[in-house]
Structures are given as structure tokens and as C-alpha cells.
Amino acid sequence: MRFELLFLSTVDPSLGRVDHDSFSHQTLMEMVIDGITNKEKVCGDFAEPKDIEEWEGVEIEDGKVAKIDWDHFDMERSLHLEWLPSSVRKCTMFQSRLTGTLDLASLPISMKELDLGFNAFTGSINLERLPERMESISVFKNKLSGRPDGWPPLRGGSD
């Protein structure tokens, strides 16, 4: 019993964590769209995707992904925002059929603008841990529930 406790106390807690910087921007972007069923609209054949420099709606600055503009791409299914490269400042995926939940705490620290309006995201969102540089966020016309943490109830209404 003593050996088990000693072993557990010496295990490095960071061993199971993945560092974004250990992946190329190509790999990260492929993970972002992995849950999208019609990803060929962005990267061509997903079995052999184009280099991200050739992806539709992706802007590269100094070899890093800076902006993603996938407005009206009519993409379907889930998106993995947690894999966005840390250099992404603007991300627009307006009017598609994207689903899943939104973990805004996992957005890149450089993110300034996020537009995910007119999709089918569900669940609630937490606005307390947004990137410090965030200037604009739009998630209207989704299937989100509740109200943002810390917001008072609307007058004359309920949750």
C-alpha cells in the first residue's frame, strides 16, 4: 500500500497533456476539421489534404494561420475549436450546419474575433474565460441554452 501511494505521488501530472506547439499548423488544422463530414470544401481530398496555404478561406501570415473565413461553406457536423493554432486571431464560420458544444476557454490566446452565428451548436457557454484580446464574439442563431454566467435574469422573463 505504501508503495502505491509513493508511486502515485511521484507521477508527473503533465505527462498526459498535449502541447499545441508540438504539432505543425497543418496537423492542428486537420484536427480542427476532423469531425466535419464534408471537409473537402476546405482542404480538398482529406485522405491527402492540400497544404494549409492552399486551403479555402485560410490566411497565413509569417508561416502561421492568422485568419479563418469559412462563411457560407455549408459545412456539416462537429468542429474542434480546441485545436485551433495559437496564432489564429479571427475565425468566422458563419451560416453552416456545425454542431456540438462550445468550449470558449480553449480558444487561442491571440483570438480577437469569433463568429459562429447561424449554426446548430448546443449547450451553454461560459464567457468568463475568453481570451484577453477578444473584441467580438457572435454565436446568435444557434441552439444554445441558459444565459451566460454572471448575467442577471432578463426583466419580465425567466431562464
Protein backbone atom coordinates (compact mmCIF):
# COMPACT_ATOMS: atom_id res chain seq x y z
CA MET A 1 0.00 0.00 0.00
CA ARG A 2 2.79 2.39 0.87
CA PHE A 3 4.49 1.72 -2.47
CA GLU A 4 1.33 2.61 -4.39
CA LEU A 5 0.98 5.91 -2.57
CA LEU A 6 4.60 6.78 -3.19
CA PHE A 7 4.26 5.90 -6.86
CA LEU A 8 1.13 8.00 -7.30
CA SER A 9 2.70 11.00 -5.64
CA THR A 10 5.71 10.94 -7.99
CA VAL A 11 3.80 10.71 -11.28
CA ASP A 12 4.26 13.86 -13.36
CA PRO A 13 0.77 15.37 -13.89
CA SER A 14 1.80 16.96 -17.19
CA LEU A 15 2.58 13.61 -18.86
CA GLY A 16 -0.95 13.19 -20.19
CA ARG A 17 -1.23 16.73 -21.58
CA VAL A 18 -0.66 17.57 -25.21
CA ASP A 19 1.18 20.77 -26.09
CA HIS A 20 -0.27 22.57 -29.12
CA ASP A 21 3.17 23.85 -30.07
CA SER A 22 4.40 20.29 -30.58
CA PHE A 23 2.16 19.97 -33.66
CA SER A 24 2.52 21.68 -37.03
CA HIS A 25 -0.19 24.12 -38.10
CA GLN A 26 -1.09 21.63 -40.84
CA THR A 27 -1.75 18.90 -38.26
CA LEU A 28 -3.69 21.24 -35.96
CA MET A 29 -5.93 22.45 -38.77
CA GLU A 30 -6.60 18.86 -39.87
CA MET A 31 -7.67 18.11 -36.28
CA VAL A 32 -9.94 21.19 -36.25
CA ILE A 33 -11.94 19.88 -39.22
CA ASP A 34 -11.69 16.17 -38.40
CA GLY A 35 -15.36 15.96 -37.31
CA ILE A 36 -16.70 17.76 -40.38
CA THR A 37 -18.26 15.35 -42.88
CA ASN A 38 -17.76 17.48 -45.99
CA LYS A 39 -14.27 18.79 -45.20
CA GLU A 40 -13.28 18.60 -48.88
CA LYS A 41 -14.88 22.05 -49.24
CA VAL A 42 -11.92 23.38 -47.28
CA CYS A 43 -8.92 21.13 -47.87
CA GLY A 44 -9.66 19.02 -50.95
CA ASP A 45 -9.33 15.25 -50.55
CA PHE A 46 -8.99 14.62 -46.80
CA ALA A 47 -7.08 11.38 -47.40
CA GLU A 48 -4.37 13.62 -48.90
CA PRO A 49 -5.27 17.18 -47.89
CA LYS A 50 -3.73 20.18 -49.60
CA ASP A 51 -1.15 22.22 -47.70
CA ILE A 52 -2.94 24.73 -45.47
CA GLU A 53 -1.54 27.54 -47.61
CA GLU A 54 -3.92 26.25 -50.32
CA TRP A 55 -6.96 25.69 -48.10
CA GLU A 56 -10.06 27.73 -48.88
CA GLY A 57 -10.59 30.65 -46.50
CA VAL A 58 -7.34 30.22 -44.54
CA GLU A 59 -4.98 33.20 -44.35
CA ILE A 60 -1.33 32.57 -43.48
CA GLU A 61 0.98 35.28 -42.10
CA ASP A 62 4.66 34.58 -41.44
CA GLY A 63 4.05 30.86 -41.90
CA LYS A 64 1.27 30.73 -39.28
CA VAL A 65 -2.52 30.56 -39.54
CA ALA A 66 -3.83 34.05 -38.76
CA LYS A 67 -7.42 34.08 -40.06
CA ILE A 68 -10.05 31.54 -40.97
CA ASP A 69 -13.04 32.66 -43.03
CA TRP A 70 -15.43 29.81 -43.75
CA ASP A 71 -18.61 31.88 -44.10
CA HIS A 72 -21.38 30.13 -46.00
CA PHE A 73 -19.28 26.99 -46.58
CA ASP A 74 -22.26 24.89 -45.52
CA MET A 75 -20.02 22.58 -43.51
CA GLU A 76 -21.68 19.80 -41.56
CA ARG A 77 -21.14 18.18 -38.15
CA SER A 78 -18.65 18.91 -35.38
CA LEU A 79 -15.77 21.33 -35.21
CA HIS A 80 -12.84 21.01 -32.80
CA LEU A 81 -12.02 24.59 -31.81
CA GLU A 82 -9.64 23.35 -29.10
CA TRP A 83 -7.11 22.50 -31.85
CA LEU A 84 -7.04 25.96 -33.45
CA PRO A 85 -3.42 27.10 -33.77
CA SER A 86 -2.42 29.64 -31.11
CA SER A 87 -1.78 32.27 -33.80
CA VAL A 88 -5.42 32.48 -35.01
CA ARG A 89 -6.77 36.00 -34.44
CA LYS A 90 -10.01 35.84 -36.40
CA CYS A 91 -12.29 32.88 -37.01
CA THR A 92 -15.53 33.13 -38.97
CA MET A 93 -17.68 30.07 -39.59
CA PHE A 94 -20.99 31.79 -40.11
CA GLN A 95 -24.02 30.01 -41.55
CA SER A 96 -23.11 26.36 -41.75
CA ARG A 97 -24.54 23.28 -40.10
CA LEU A 98 -21.90 22.92 -37.43
CA THR A 99 -22.91 21.08 -34.25
CA GLY A 100 -21.55 20.24 -30.82
CA THR A 101 -20.80 22.31 -27.76
CA LEU A 102 -18.62 25.41 -27.48
CA ASP A 103 -15.71 25.43 -25.05
CA LEU A 104 -14.67 29.05 -25.38
CA ALA A 105 -11.99 28.64 -22.70
CA SER A 106 -9.95 26.57 -25.18
CA LEU A 107 -9.74 29.34 -27.80
CA PRO A 108 -6.27 30.61 -28.79
CA ILE A 109 -4.98 33.44 -26.59
CA SER A 110 -4.46 35.61 -29.67
CA MET A 111 -8.15 35.33 -30.72
CA LYS A 112 -9.80 38.73 -31.26
CA GLU A 113 -12.90 37.87 -33.31
CA LEU A 114 -15.09 34.78 -33.38
CA ASP A 115 -18.27 34.43 -35.45
CA LEU A 116 -20.15 31.15 -35.21
CA GLY A 117 -23.63 32.54 -35.86
CA PHE A 118 -26.32 30.60 -37.75
CA ASN A 119 -25.14 27.10 -36.87
CA ALA A 120 -26.55 24.37 -34.62
CA PHE A 121 -24.28 24.47 -31.55
CA THR A 122 -25.94 23.30 -28.32
CA GLY A 123 -25.44 23.58 -24.58
CA SER A 124 -24.42 26.63 -22.60
CA ILE A 125 -21.37 28.84 -22.99
CA ASN A 126 -19.04 30.33 -20.40
CA LEU A 127 -17.91 33.88 -21.16
CA GLU A 128 -15.72 34.19 -18.07
CA ARG A 129 -12.58 32.61 -19.58
CA LEU A 130 -12.40 34.22 -23.01
CA PRO A 131 -9.00 35.18 -24.43
CA GLU A 132 -7.94 38.57 -23.05
CA ARG A 133 -7.68 40.07 -26.55
CA MET A 134 -11.22 39.05 -27.54
CA GLU A 135 -13.05 42.04 -29.02
CA SER A 136 -16.05 40.43 -30.69
CA ILE A 137 -17.92 37.16 -30.34
CA SER A 138 -21.09 36.19 -32.18
CA VAL A 139 -22.99 32.98 -31.51
CA PHE A 140 -26.53 34.07 -32.36
CA LYS A 141 -28.97 31.74 -34.13
CA ASN A 142 -27.64 28.55 -32.57
CA LYS A 143 -29.37 26.15 -30.19
CA LEU A 144 -27.63 27.38 -27.05
CA SER A 145 -29.41 27.25 -23.70
CA GLY A 146 -29.36 29.22 -20.47
CA ARG A 147 -27.74 32.58 -20.09
CA PRO A 148 -24.06 33.43 -19.81
CA ASP A 149 -22.61 33.03 -16.31
CA GLY A 150 -22.78 36.23 -14.31
CA TRP A 151 -25.60 37.79 -16.33
CA PRO A 152 -28.71 38.80 -14.40
CA PRO A 153 -32.10 37.39 -15.43
CA LEU A 154 -33.87 39.30 -18.18
CA ARG A 155 -36.59 41.64 -16.96
CA GLY A 156 -40.04 40.19 -17.35
CA GLY A 157 -38.73 36.77 -18.25
CA SER A 158 -37.18 33.66 -16.86
CA ASP A 159 -34.37 31.37 -17.94
